[in-house]
Amino acid sequence: MEETEVVRALGALAQETRLRIFRLLVVAGPEGLNPGHMAEQLGIASTALSFHLKELSHSGLIASEREGRNLFYRASIPLMNDLLAYLTAHCCQGQACLETPTKLDCDNC
């Protein structure tokens, strides 16, 4: 990952509502969620949600796909893994110090 991509992704997540949206989409997995469901679960207005989804999409952390009349948003698990790898590269002077893997490895991500 390039440093500019990392800054863009971290900047997008450095806001409470966007962080909550991203975490909700990570939990939803490959099926993703439509904006109505997200607004309901998070208790935020659809106009505010739209603004935050645009910011997360611009950063590459989420993507949208139209399925019929519905729009579904999904977390970009590969980008999230790249971000985690960038942040933990050369951790502990290159020694294996993490007991759990930092990479999320799920089917259809």
PDB file of N, CA and C in Angstrom:
ATOM      1  N   MET A   1       0.835  -1.187   0.000  1.00  0.00           N
ATOM      2  CA  MET A   1       0.000   0.000   0.000  1.00  0.00           C
ATOM      3  C   MET A   1       0.869   1.235   0.000  1.00  0.00           C
ATOM      4  N   GLU A   2       0.424   2.208  -0.734  1.00  0.00           N
ATOM      5  CA  GLU A   2       1.124   3.490  -0.748  1.00  0.00           C
ATOM      6  C   GLU A   2       0.689   4.317   0.458  1.00  0.00           C
ATOM      7  N   GLU A   3       1.585   5.165   0.904  1.00  0.00           N
ATOM      8  CA  GLU A   3       1.306   5.989   2.071  1.00  0.00           C
ATOM      9  C   GLU A   3       0.065   6.861   1.876  1.00  0.00           C
ATOM     10  N   THR A   4      -0.156   7.381   0.679  1.00  0.00           N
ATOM     11  CA  THR A   4      -1.337   8.220   0.440  1.00  0.00           C
ATOM     12  C   THR A   4      -2.636   7.421   0.594  1.00  0.00           C
ATOM     13  N   GLU A   5      -2.623   6.154   0.184  1.00  0.00           N
ATOM     14  CA  GLU A   5      -3.798   5.296   0.360  1.00  0.00           C
ATOM     15  C   GLU A   5      -4.067   5.048   1.840  1.00  0.00           C
ATOM     16  N   VAL A   6      -2.998   4.847   2.598  1.00  0.00           N
ATOM     17  CA  VAL A   6      -3.129   4.598   4.033  1.00  0.00           C
ATOM     18  C   VAL A   6      -3.723   5.824   4.713  1.00  0.00           C
ATOM     19  N   VAL A   7      -3.220   6.999   4.378  1.00  0.00           N
ATOM     20  CA  VAL A   7      -3.722   8.234   4.979  1.00  0.00           C
ATOM     21  C   VAL A   7      -5.189   8.441   4.618  1.00  0.00           C
ATOM     22  N   ARG A   8      -5.562   8.168   3.380  1.00  0.00           N
ATOM     23  CA  ARG A   8      -6.952   8.317   2.952  1.00  0.00           C
ATOM     24  C   ARG A   8      -7.862   7.360   3.725  1.00  0.00           C
ATOM     25  N   ALA A   9      -7.434   6.109   3.875  1.00  0.00           N
ATOM     26  CA  ALA A   9      -8.247   5.125   4.595  1.00  0.00           C
ATOM     27  C   ALA A   9      -8.364   5.480   6.074  1.00  0.00           C
ATOM     28  N   LEU A  10      -7.261   5.822   6.691  1.00  0.00           N
ATOM     29  CA  LEU A  10      -7.304   6.176   8.113  1.00  0.00           C
ATOM     30  C   LEU A  10      -8.113   7.444   8.336  1.00  0.00           C
ATOM     31  N   GLY A  11      -8.002   8.399   7.405  1.00  0.00           N
ATOM     32  CA  GLY A  11      -8.796   9.627   7.506  1.00  0.00           C
ATOM     33  C   GLY A  11     -10.284   9.333   7.439  1.00  0.00           C
ATOM     34  N   ALA A  12     -10.660   8.406   6.579  1.00  0.00           N
ATOM     35  CA  ALA A  12     -12.074   8.039   6.458  1.00  0.00           C
ATOM     36  C   ALA A  12     -12.579   7.375   7.736  1.00  0.00           C
ATOM     37  N   LEU A  13     -11.736   6.601   8.378  1.00  0.00           N
ATOM     38  CA  LEU A  13     -12.136   5.898   9.597  1.00  0.00           C
ATOM     39  C   LEU A  13     -12.030   6.763  10.851  1.00  0.00           C
ATOM     40  N   ALA A  14     -11.410   7.929  10.718  1.00  0.00           N
ATOM     41  CA  ALA A  14     -11.181   8.794  11.876  1.00  0.00           C
ATOM     42  C   ALA A  14     -12.400   9.661  12.176  1.00  0.00           C
ATOM     43  N   GLN A  15     -13.554   9.089  12.032  1.00  0.00           N
ATOM     44  CA  GLN A  15     -14.810   9.780  12.328  1.00  0.00           C
ATOM     45  C   GLN A  15     -15.751   8.710  12.876  1.00  0.00           C
ATOM     46  N   GLU A  16     -16.405   9.000  13.971  1.00  0.00           N
ATOM     47  CA  GLU A  16     -17.181   7.997  14.705  1.00  0.00           C
ATOM     48  C   GLU A  16     -18.242   7.292  13.850  1.00  0.00           C
ATOM     49  N   THR A  17     -19.021   8.046  13.118  1.00  0.00           N
ATOM     50  CA  THR A  17     -20.093   7.431  12.325  1.00  0.00           C
ATOM     51  C   THR A  17     -19.529   6.554  11.223  1.00  0.00           C
ATOM     52  N   ARG A  18     -18.482   7.023  10.538  1.00  0.00           N
ATOM     53  CA  ARG A  18     -17.890   6.217   9.471  1.00  0.00           C
ATOM     54  C   ARG A  18     -17.254   4.946  10.022  1.00  0.00           C
ATOM     55  N   LEU A  19     -16.647   5.040  11.171  1.00  0.00           N
ATOM     56  CA  LEU A  19     -16.078   3.843  11.802  1.00  0.00           C
ATOM     57  C   LEU A  19     -17.182   2.843  12.131  1.00  0.00           C
ATOM     58  N   ARG A  20     -18.296   3.334  12.645  1.00  0.00           N
ATOM     59  CA  ARG A  20     -19.428   2.456  12.961  1.00  0.00           C
ATOM     60  C   ARG A  20     -19.989   1.803  11.701  1.00  0.00           C
ATOM     61  N   ILE A  21     -20.103   2.575  10.618  1.00  0.00           N
ATOM     62  CA  ILE A  21     -20.592   2.032   9.344  1.00  0.00           C
ATOM     63  C   ILE A  21     -19.661   0.947   8.842  1.00  0.00           C
ATOM     64  N   PHE A  22     -18.353   1.228   8.851  1.00  0.00           N
ATOM     65  CA  PHE A  22     -17.387   0.259   8.352  1.00  0.00           C
ATOM     66  C   PHE A  22     -17.433  -1.027   9.166  1.00  0.00           C
ATOM     67  N   ARG A  23     -17.473  -0.907  10.473  1.00  0.00           N
ATOM     68  CA  ARG A  23     -17.536  -2.095  11.331  1.00  0.00           C
ATOM     69  C   ARG A  23     -18.817  -2.884  11.088  1.00  0.00           C
ATOM     70  N   LEU A  24     -19.926  -2.187  10.870  1.00  0.00           N
ATOM     71  CA  LEU A  24     -21.191  -2.850  10.567  1.00  0.00           C
ATOM     72  C   LEU A  24     -21.076  -3.649   9.268  1.00  0.00           C
ATOM     73  N   LEU A  25     -20.422  -3.074   8.266  1.00  0.00           N
ATOM     74  CA  LEU A  25     -20.256  -3.768   6.990  1.00  0.00           C
ATOM     75  C   LEU A  25     -19.287  -4.940   7.095  1.00  0.00           C
ATOM     76  N   VAL A  26     -18.289  -4.826   7.939  1.00  0.00           N
ATOM     77  CA  VAL A  26     -17.373  -5.957   8.157  1.00  0.00           C
ATOM     78  C   VAL A  26     -18.149  -7.113   8.785  1.00  0.00           C
ATOM     79  N   VAL A  27     -18.987  -6.809   9.752  1.00  0.00           N
ATOM     80  CA  VAL A  27     -19.803  -7.841  10.399  1.00  0.00           C
ATOM     81  C   VAL A  27     -20.773  -8.469   9.393  1.00  0.00           C
ATOM     82  N   ALA A  28     -21.335  -7.658   8.504  1.00  0.00           N
ATOM     83  CA  ALA A  28     -22.302  -8.158   7.514  1.00  0.00           C
ATOM     84  C   ALA A  28     -21.657  -9.129   6.532  1.00  0.00           C
ATOM     85  N   GLY A  29     -20.364  -8.999   6.315  1.00  0.00           N
ATOM     86  CA  GLY A  29     -19.657  -9.915   5.420  1.00  0.00           C
ATOM     87  C   GLY A  29     -19.973  -9.670   3.961  1.00  0.00           C
ATOM     88  N   PRO A  30     -19.761 -10.696   3.136  1.00  0.00           N
ATOM     89  CA  PRO A  30     -19.896 -10.550   1.684  1.00  0.00           C
ATOM     90  C   PRO A  30     -21.308 -10.182   1.213  1.00  0.00           C
ATOM     91  N   GLU A  31     -22.328 -10.463   1.999  1.00  0.00           N
ATOM     92  CA  GLU A  31     -23.690 -10.109   1.598  1.00  0.00           C
ATOM     93  C   GLU A  31     -23.889  -8.607   1.582  1.00  0.00           C
ATOM     94  N   GLY A  32     -23.192  -7.901   2.460  1.00  0.00           N
ATOM     95  CA  GLY A  32     -23.333  -6.458   2.537  1.00  0.00           C
ATOM     96  C   GLY A  32     -24.688  -6.044   3.097  1.00  0.00           C
ATOM     97  N   LEU A  33     -24.928  -4.746   3.066  1.00  0.00           N
ATOM     98  CA  LEU A  33     -26.177  -4.184   3.584  1.00  0.00           C
ATOM     99  C   LEU A  33     -26.658  -3.069   2.679  1.00  0.00           C
ATOM    100  N   ASN A  34     -27.971  -2.857   2.663  1.00  0.00           N
ATOM    101  CA  ASN A  34     -28.488  -1.714   1.913  1.00  0.00           C
ATOM    102  C   ASN A  34     -28.555  -0.505   2.849  1.00  0.00           C
ATOM    103  N   PRO A  35     -28.568   0.699   2.291  1.00  0.00           N
ATOM    104  CA  PRO A  35     -28.548   1.904   3.129  1.00  0.00           C
ATOM    105  C   PRO A  35     -29.699   1.990   4.126  1.00  0.00           C
ATOM    106  N   GLY A  36     -30.887   1.544   3.749  1.00  0.00           N
ATOM    107  CA  GLY A  36     -32.020   1.594   4.672  1.00  0.00           C
ATOM    108  C   GLY A  36     -31.769   0.776   5.925  1.00  0.00           C
ATOM    109  N   HIS A  37     -31.214  -0.408   5.730  1.00  0.00           N
ATOM    110  CA  HIS A  37     -30.914  -1.282   6.868  1.00  0.00           C
ATOM    111  C   HIS A  37     -29.824  -0.665   7.740  1.00  0.00           C
ATOM    112  N   MET A  38     -28.800  -0.079   7.097  1.00  0.00           N
ATOM    113  CA  MET A  38     -27.721   0.547   7.868  1.00  0.00           C
ATOM    114  C   MET A  38     -28.240   1.719   8.687  1.00  0.00           C
ATOM    115  N   ALA A  39     -29.051   2.591   8.056  1.00  0.00           N
ATOM    116  CA  ALA A  39     -29.591   3.758   8.760  1.00  0.00           C
ATOM    117  C   ALA A  39     -30.417   3.324   9.962  1.00  0.00           C
ATOM    118  N   GLU A  40     -31.200   2.267   9.783  1.00  0.00           N
ATOM    119  CA  GLU A  40     -32.026   1.760  10.872  1.00  0.00           C
ATOM    120  C   GLU A  40     -31.172   1.202  12.007  1.00  0.00           C
ATOM    121  N   GLN A  41     -30.182   0.390  11.656  1.00  0.00           N
ATOM    122  CA  GLN A  41     -29.337  -0.225  12.692  1.00  0.00           C
ATOM    123  C   GLN A  41     -28.494   0.803  13.438  1.00  0.00           C
ATOM    124  N   LEU A  42     -28.024   1.823  12.724  1.00  0.00           N
ATOM    125  CA  LEU A  42     -27.157   2.813  13.342  1.00  0.00           C
ATOM    126  C   LEU A  42     -27.919   3.997  13.927  1.00  0.00           C
ATOM    127  N   GLY A  43     -29.188   4.119  13.584  1.00  0.00           N
ATOM    128  CA  GLY A  43     -29.987   5.220  14.100  1.00  0.00           C
ATOM    129  C   GLY A  43     -29.563   6.571  13.567  1.00  0.00           C
ATOM    130  N   ILE A  44     -29.225   6.639  12.281  1.00  0.00           N
ATOM    131  CA  ILE A  44     -28.843   7.917  11.685  1.00  0.00           C
ATOM    132  C   ILE A  44     -29.715   8.210  10.472  1.00  0.00           C
ATOM    133  N   ALA A  45     -29.830   9.486  10.148  1.00  0.00           N
ATOM    134  CA  ALA A  45     -30.645   9.921   9.010  1.00  0.00           C
ATOM    135  C   ALA A  45     -30.014   9.459   7.705  1.00  0.00           C
ATOM    136  N   SER A  46     -30.850   9.186   6.723  1.00  0.00           N
ATOM    137  CA  SER A  46     -30.358   8.692   5.435  1.00  0.00           C
ATOM    138  C   SER A  46     -29.461   9.710   4.737  1.00  0.00           C
ATOM    139  N   THR A  47     -29.715  11.005   4.926  1.00  0.00           N
ATOM    140  CA  THR A  47     -28.858  12.016   4.300  1.00  0.00           C
ATOM    141  C   THR A  47     -27.455  11.994   4.907  1.00  0.00           C
ATOM    142  N   ALA A  48     -27.368  11.842   6.214  1.00  0.00           N
ATOM    143  CA  ALA A  48     -26.065  11.746   6.874  1.00  0.00           C
ATOM    144  C   ALA A  48     -25.360  10.466   6.453  1.00  0.00           C
ATOM    145  N   LEU A  49     -26.110   9.383   6.382  1.00  0.00           N
ATOM    146  CA  LEU A  49     -25.532   8.104   5.969  1.00  0.00           C
ATOM    147  C   LEU A  49     -24.947   8.214   4.570  1.00  0.00           C
ATOM    148  N   SER A  50     -25.669   8.841   3.671  1.00  0.00           N
ATOM    149  CA  SER A  50     -25.216   9.005   2.294  1.00  0.00           C
ATOM    150  C   SER A  50     -23.876   9.740   2.236  1.00  0.00           C
ATOM    151  N   PHE A  51     -23.745  10.803   3.025  1.00  0.00           N
ATOM    152  CA  PHE A  51     -22.489  11.560   3.081  1.00  0.00           C
ATOM    153  C   PHE A  51     -21.341  10.664   3.543  1.00  0.00           C
ATOM    154  N   HIS A  52     -21.555   9.898   4.590  1.00  0.00           N
ATOM    155  CA  HIS A  52     -20.500   9.054   5.138  1.00  0.00           C
ATOM    156  C   HIS A  52     -20.167   7.888   4.205  1.00  0.00           C
ATOM    157  N   LEU A  53     -21.171   7.326   3.542  1.00  0.00           N
ATOM    158  CA  LEU A  53     -20.915   6.250   2.579  1.00  0.00           C
ATOM    159  C   LEU A  53     -20.056   6.762   1.424  1.00  0.00           C
ATOM    160  N   LYS A  54     -20.304   7.991   1.002  1.00  0.00           N
ATOM    161  CA  LYS A  54     -19.501   8.587  -0.073  1.00  0.00           C
ATOM    162  C   LYS A  54     -18.036   8.702   0.357  1.00  0.00           C
ATOM    163  N   GLU A  55     -17.812   9.136   1.572  1.00  0.00           N
ATOM    164  CA  GLU A  55     -16.440   9.278   2.074  1.00  0.00           C
ATOM    165  C   GLU A  55     -15.746   7.920   2.176  1.00  0.00           C
ATOM    166  N   LEU A  56     -16.430   6.923   2.671  1.00  0.00           N
ATOM    167  CA  LEU A  56     -15.857   5.585   2.774  1.00  0.00           C
ATOM    168  C   LEU A  56     -15.608   4.982   1.390  1.00  0.00           C
ATOM    169  N   SER A  57     -16.513   5.222   0.461  1.00  0.00           N
ATOM    170  CA  SER A  57     -16.326   4.729  -0.912  1.00  0.00           C
ATOM    171  C   SER A  57     -15.114   5.384  -1.557  1.00  0.00           C
ATOM    172  N   HIS A  58     -14.976   6.690  -1.365  1.00  0.00           N
ATOM    173  CA  HIS A  58     -13.838   7.427  -1.934  1.00  0.00           C
ATOM    174  C   HIS A  58     -12.505   6.872  -1.413  1.00  0.00           C
ATOM    175  N   SER A  59     -12.492   6.426  -0.174  1.00  0.00           N
ATOM    176  CA  SER A  59     -11.262   5.890   0.404  1.00  0.00           C
ATOM    177  C   SER A  59     -10.958   4.479  -0.094  1.00  0.00           C
ATOM    178  N   GLY A  60     -11.963   3.817  -0.685  1.00  0.00           N
ATOM    179  CA  GLY A  60     -11.788   2.446  -1.153  1.00  0.00           C
ATOM    180  C   GLY A  60     -12.118   1.394  -0.114  1.00  0.00           C
ATOM    181  N   LEU A  61     -12.484   1.828   1.086  1.00  0.00           N
ATOM    182  CA  LEU A  61     -12.778   0.869   2.160  1.00  0.00           C
ATOM    183  C   LEU A  61     -14.093   0.132   1.958  1.00  0.00           C
ATOM    184  N   ILE A  62     -15.008   0.722   1.183  1.00  0.00           N
ATOM    185  CA  ILE A  62     -16.257   0.049   0.876  1.00  0.00           C
ATOM    186  C   ILE A  62     -16.545   0.193  -0.612  1.00  0.00           C
ATOM    187  N   ALA A  63     -17.398  -0.672  -1.098  1.00  0.00           N
ATOM    188  CA  ALA A  63     -17.838  -0.612  -2.496  1.00  0.00           C
ATOM    189  C   ALA A  63     -19.329  -0.871  -2.526  1.00  0.00           C
ATOM    190  N   SER A  64     -19.969  -0.365  -3.562  1.00  0.00           N
ATOM    191  CA  SER A  64     -21.407  -0.583  -3.699  1.00  0.00           C
ATOM    192  C   SER A  64     -21.696  -1.351  -4.980  1.00  0.00           C
ATOM    193  N   GLU A  65     -22.815  -2.049  -4.952  1.00  0.00           N
ATOM    194  CA  GLU A  65     -23.241  -2.822  -6.113  1.00  0.00           C
ATOM    195  C   GLU A  65     -24.767  -2.802  -6.164  1.00  0.00           C
ATOM    196  N   ARG A  66     -25.274  -2.523  -7.335  1.00  0.00           N
ATOM    197  CA  ARG A  66     -26.722  -2.499  -7.522  1.00  0.00           C
ATOM    198  C   ARG A  66     -27.208  -3.913  -7.807  1.00  0.00           C
ATOM    199  N   GLU A  67     -28.225  -4.320  -7.069  1.00  0.00           N
ATOM    200  CA  GLU A  67     -28.869  -5.614  -7.284  1.00  0.00           C
ATOM    201  C   GLU A  67     -30.355  -5.340  -7.459  1.00  0.00           C
ATOM    202  N   GLY A  68     -30.785  -5.315  -8.702  1.00  0.00           N
ATOM    203  CA  GLY A  68     -32.170  -4.954  -8.995  1.00  0.00           C
ATOM    204  C   GLY A  68     -32.400  -3.504  -8.642  1.00  0.00           C
ATOM    205  N   ARG A  69     -33.375  -3.260  -7.809  1.00  0.00           N
ATOM    206  CA  ARG A  69     -33.682  -1.894  -7.377  1.00  0.00           C
ATOM    207  C   ARG A  69     -32.876  -1.485  -6.149  1.00  0.00           C
ATOM    208  N   ASN A  70     -32.173  -2.409  -5.561  1.00  0.00           N
ATOM    209  CA  ASN A  70     -31.459  -2.143  -4.310  1.00  0.00           C
ATOM    210  C   ASN A  70     -29.975  -1.921  -4.534  1.00  0.00           C
ATOM    211  N   LEU A  71     -29.407  -1.083  -3.685  1.00  0.00           N
ATOM    212  CA  LEU A  71     -27.975  -0.832  -3.675  1.00  0.00           C
ATOM    213  C   LEU A  71     -27.425  -1.464  -2.410  1.00  0.00           C
ATOM    214  N   PHE A  72     -26.377  -2.277  -2.559  1.00  0.00           N
ATOM    215  CA  PHE A  72     -25.761  -2.924  -1.406  1.00  0.00           C
ATOM    216  C   PHE A  72     -24.324  -2.447  -1.265  1.00  0.00           C
ATOM    217  N   TYR A  73     -23.932  -2.186  -0.029  1.00  0.00           N
ATOM    218  CA  TYR A  73     -22.568  -1.779   0.280  1.00  0.00           C
ATOM    219  C   TYR A  73     -21.865  -2.921   0.985  1.00  0.00           C
ATOM    220  N   ARG A  74     -20.588  -3.086   0.657  1.00  0.00           N
ATOM    221  CA  ARG A  74     -19.774  -4.132   1.267  1.00  0.00           C
ATOM    222  C   ARG A  74     -18.422  -3.553   1.660  1.00  0.00           C
ATOM    223  N   ALA A  75     -17.875  -4.059   2.751  1.00  0.00           N
ATOM    224  CA  ALA A  75     -16.529  -3.669   3.159  1.00  0.00           C
ATOM    225  C   ALA A  75     -15.522  -4.312   2.217  1.00  0.00           C
ATOM    226  N   SER A  76     -14.469  -3.584   1.904  1.00  0.00           N
ATOM    227  CA  SER A  76     -13.385  -4.134   1.097  1.00  0.00           C
ATOM    228  C   SER A  76     -12.404  -4.831   2.042  1.00  0.00           C
ATOM    229  N   ILE A  77     -12.625  -6.112   2.222  1.00  0.00           N
ATOM    230  CA  ILE A  77     -11.780  -6.888   3.136  1.00  0.00           C
ATOM    231  C   ILE A  77     -10.313  -6.905   2.666  1.00  0.00           C
ATOM    232  N   PRO A  78     -10.041  -7.058   1.365  1.00  0.00           N
ATOM    233  CA  PRO A  78      -8.635  -7.016   0.926  1.00  0.00           C
ATOM    234  C   PRO A  78      -7.945  -5.690   1.273  1.00  0.00           C
ATOM    235  N   LEU A  79      -8.652  -4.565   1.107  1.00  0.00           N
ATOM    236  CA  LEU A  79      -8.041  -3.281   1.447  1.00  0.00           C
ATOM    237  C   LEU A  79      -7.828  -3.173   2.949  1.00  0.00           C
ATOM    238  N   MET A  80      -8.783  -3.664   3.735  1.00  0.00           N
ATOM    239  CA  MET A  80      -8.631  -3.650   5.181  1.00  0.00           C
ATOM    240  C   MET A  80      -7.406  -4.477   5.591  1.00  0.00           C
ATOM    241  N   ASN A  81      -7.237  -5.645   4.966  1.00  0.00           N
ATOM    242  CA  ASN A  81      -6.068  -6.482   5.265  1.00  0.00           C
ATOM    243  C   ASN A  81      -4.775  -5.787   4.874  1.00  0.00           C
ATOM    244  N   ASP A  82      -4.782  -5.101   3.722  1.00  0.00           N
ATOM    245  CA  ASP A  82      -3.598  -4.356   3.301  1.00  0.00           C
ATOM    246  C   ASP A  82      -3.261  -3.250   4.291  1.00  0.00           C
ATOM    247  N   LEU A  83      -4.290  -2.573   4.787  1.00  0.00           N
ATOM    248  CA  LEU A  83      -4.090  -1.504   5.764  1.00  0.00           C
ATOM    249  C   LEU A  83      -3.499  -2.065   7.056  1.00  0.00           C
ATOM    250  N   LEU A  84      -4.053  -3.176   7.528  1.00  0.00           N
ATOM    251  CA  LEU A  84      -3.511  -3.811   8.732  1.00  0.00           C
ATOM    252  C   LEU A  84      -2.068  -4.265   8.526  1.00  0.00           C
ATOM    253  N   ALA A  85      -1.789  -4.821   7.353  1.00  0.00           N
ATOM    254  CA  ALA A  85      -0.425  -5.265   7.057  1.00  0.00           C
ATOM    255  C   ALA A  85       0.539  -4.085   7.032  1.00  0.00           C
ATOM    256  N   TYR A  86       0.101  -2.977   6.456  1.00  0.00           N
ATOM    257  CA  TYR A  86       0.949  -1.778   6.413  1.00  0.00           C
ATOM    258  C   TYR A  86       1.243  -1.280   7.827  1.00  0.00           C
ATOM    259  N   LEU A  87       0.225  -1.252   8.665  1.00  0.00           N
ATOM    260  CA  LEU A  87       0.387  -0.735  10.019  1.00  0.00           C
ATOM    261  C   LEU A  87       1.234  -1.641  10.901  1.00  0.00           C
ATOM    262  N   THR A  88       1.246  -2.929  10.614  1.00  0.00           N
ATOM    263  CA  THR A  88       1.990  -3.859  11.464  1.00  0.00           C
ATOM    264  C   THR A  88       3.284  -4.361  10.823  1.00  0.00           C
ATOM    265  N   ALA A  89       3.610  -3.858   9.632  1.00  0.00           N
ATOM    266  CA  ALA A  89       4.861  -4.274   8.980  1.00  0.00           C
ATOM    267  C   ALA A  89       6.043  -3.924   9.878  1.00  0.00           C
ATOM    268  N   HIS A  90       6.932  -4.829   9.998  1.00  0.00           N
ATOM    269  CA  HIS A  90       8.159  -4.657  10.780  1.00  0.00           C
ATOM    270  C   HIS A  90       7.882  -4.481  12.270  1.00  0.00           C
ATOM    271  N   CYS A  91       6.726  -4.953  12.713  1.00  0.00           N
ATOM    272  CA  CYS A  91       6.384  -4.912  14.130  1.00  0.00           C
ATOM    273  C   CYS A  91       7.443  -5.671  14.920  1.00  0.00           C
ATOM    274  N   CYS A  92       7.773  -5.184  16.071  1.00  0.00           N
ATOM    275  CA  CYS A  92       8.728  -5.846  16.978  1.00  0.00           C
ATOM    276  C   CYS A  92      10.036  -6.163  16.253  1.00  0.00           C
ATOM    277  N   GLN A  93      10.485  -5.245  15.434  1.00  0.00           N
ATOM    278  CA  GLN A  93      11.739  -5.376  14.692  1.00  0.00           C
ATOM    279  C   GLN A  93      11.768  -6.621  13.818  1.00  0.00           C
ATOM    280  N   GLY A  94      10.611  -6.960  13.254  1.00  0.00           N
ATOM    281  CA  GLY A  94      10.539  -8.080  12.330  1.00  0.00           C
ATOM    282  C   GLY A  94      10.331  -9.434  12.979  1.00  0.00           C
ATOM    283  N   GLN A  95      10.255  -9.483  14.298  1.00  0.00           N
ATOM    284  CA  GLN A  95      10.040 -10.745  15.002  1.00  0.00           C
ATOM    285  C   GLN A  95       8.559 -11.108  14.984  1.00  0.00           C
ATOM    286  N   ALA A  96       8.268 -12.381  14.984  1.00  0.00           N
ATOM    287  CA  ALA A  96       6.874 -12.836  15.060  1.00  0.00           C
ATOM    288  C   ALA A  96       6.392 -12.636  16.487  1.00  0.00           C
ATOM    289  N   CYS A  97       5.589 -11.611  16.707  1.00  0.00           N
ATOM    290  CA  CYS A  97       5.169 -11.302  18.073  1.00  0.00           C
ATOM    291  C   CYS A  97       3.668 -11.387  18.261  1.00  0.00           C
ATOM    292  N   LEU A  98       2.932 -11.506  17.190  1.00  0.00           N
ATOM    293  CA  LEU A  98       1.481 -11.557  17.310  1.00  0.00           C
ATOM    294  C   LEU A  98       1.015 -12.996  17.475  1.00  0.00           C
ATOM    295  N   GLU A  99       0.147 -13.200  18.455  1.00  0.00           N
ATOM    296  CA  GLU A  99      -0.363 -14.551  18.684  1.00  0.00           C
ATOM    297  C   GLU A  99      -1.511 -14.887  17.750  1.00  0.00           C
ATOM    298  N   THR A 100      -2.224 -13.875  17.276  1.00  0.00           N
ATOM    299  CA  THR A 100      -3.334 -14.107  16.363  1.00  0.00           C
ATOM    300  C   THR A 100      -3.032 -13.418  15.040  1.00  0.00           C
ATOM    301  N   PRO A 101      -3.502 -13.977  13.943  1.00  0.00           N
ATOM    302  CA  PRO A 101      -3.243 -13.355  12.653  1.00  0.00           C
ATOM    303  C   PRO A 101      -3.987 -12.030  12.526  1.00  0.00           C
ATOM    304  N   THR A 102      -3.376 -11.075  11.817  1.00  0.00           N
ATOM    305  CA  THR A 102      -4.031  -9.791  11.603  1.00  0.00           C
ATOM    306  C   THR A 102      -4.845  -9.802  10.321  1.00  0.00           C
ATOM    307  N   LYS A 103      -4.641 -10.787   9.492  1.00  0.00           N
ATOM    308  CA  LYS A 103      -5.349 -10.847   8.216  1.00  0.00           C
ATOM    309  C   LYS A 103      -6.666 -11.583   8.391  1.00  0.00           C
ATOM    310  N   LEU A 104      -7.738 -10.930   7.925  1.00  0.00           N
ATOM    311  CA  LEU A 104      -9.039 -11.573   7.935  1.00  0.00           C
ATOM    312  C   LEU A 104      -9.130 -12.460   6.715  1.00  0.00           C
ATOM    313  N   ASP A 105      -9.391 -13.720   6.916  1.00  0.00           N
ATOM    314  CA  ASP A 105      -9.437 -14.679   5.829  1.00  0.00           C
ATOM    315  C   ASP A 105     -10.826 -15.304   5.793  1.00  0.00           C
ATOM    316  N   CYS A 106     -11.702 -14.723   4.990  1.00  0.00           N
ATOM    317  CA  CYS A 106     -13.063 -15.255   4.913  1.00  0.00           C
ATOM    318  C   CYS A 106     -13.388 -15.634   3.475  1.00  0.00           C
ATOM    319  N   ASP A 107     -14.341 -16.517   3.328  1.00  0.00           N
ATOM    320  CA  ASP A 107     -14.768 -16.943   1.995  1.00  0.00           C
ATOM    321  C   ASP A 107     -15.489 -15.813   1.292  1.00  0.00           C
ATOM    322  N   ASN A 108     -15.261 -15.690  -0.012  1.00  0.00           N
ATOM    323  CA  ASN A 108     -15.954 -14.712  -0.863  1.00  0.00           C
ATOM    324  C   ASN A 108     -15.699 -13.267  -0.506  1.00  0.00           C
ATOM    325  N   CYS A 109     -14.582 -12.956   0.155  1.00  0.00           N
ATOM    326  CA  CYS A 109     -14.284 -11.566   0.502  1.00  0.00           C
ATOM    327  C   CYS A 109     -13.585 -10.868  -0.649  1.00  0.00           C
TER     328      CYS A 109
END
